[in-house]
């Protein structure tokens, strides 16, 4: 038997409103521990990796553009994608360091 069915049987017929509330709490807890919490941890790791980037590091943007960081501003990075060709991208659009991506 599953845990939910045991809890529902233990609640009894007269307390059906409590069993519904209990089931909703269990569903919310499952969503939190298996979906929301791991995603939050992953976002924190990505943020730390972006903050650790320095001028001269090779990166990949979320659009798939490979380049080398030439300048880092408050909300943007200036990336050189070819000799003399530089583009300004938002910091949040940096997907990964190209050294990290090549190692995987």
Foldseek 3Di string as FASTA:
>chain_A
DDPLVVVCVVCDDVRNVVSVVVVVVVVVVCCCVPPVVVVVVVVVVVVVQLVPDDAQFWFAFLVGQIFGFHDDDDFWTWTDRDVVDIDIDGSVRTDHGVVVVVVD
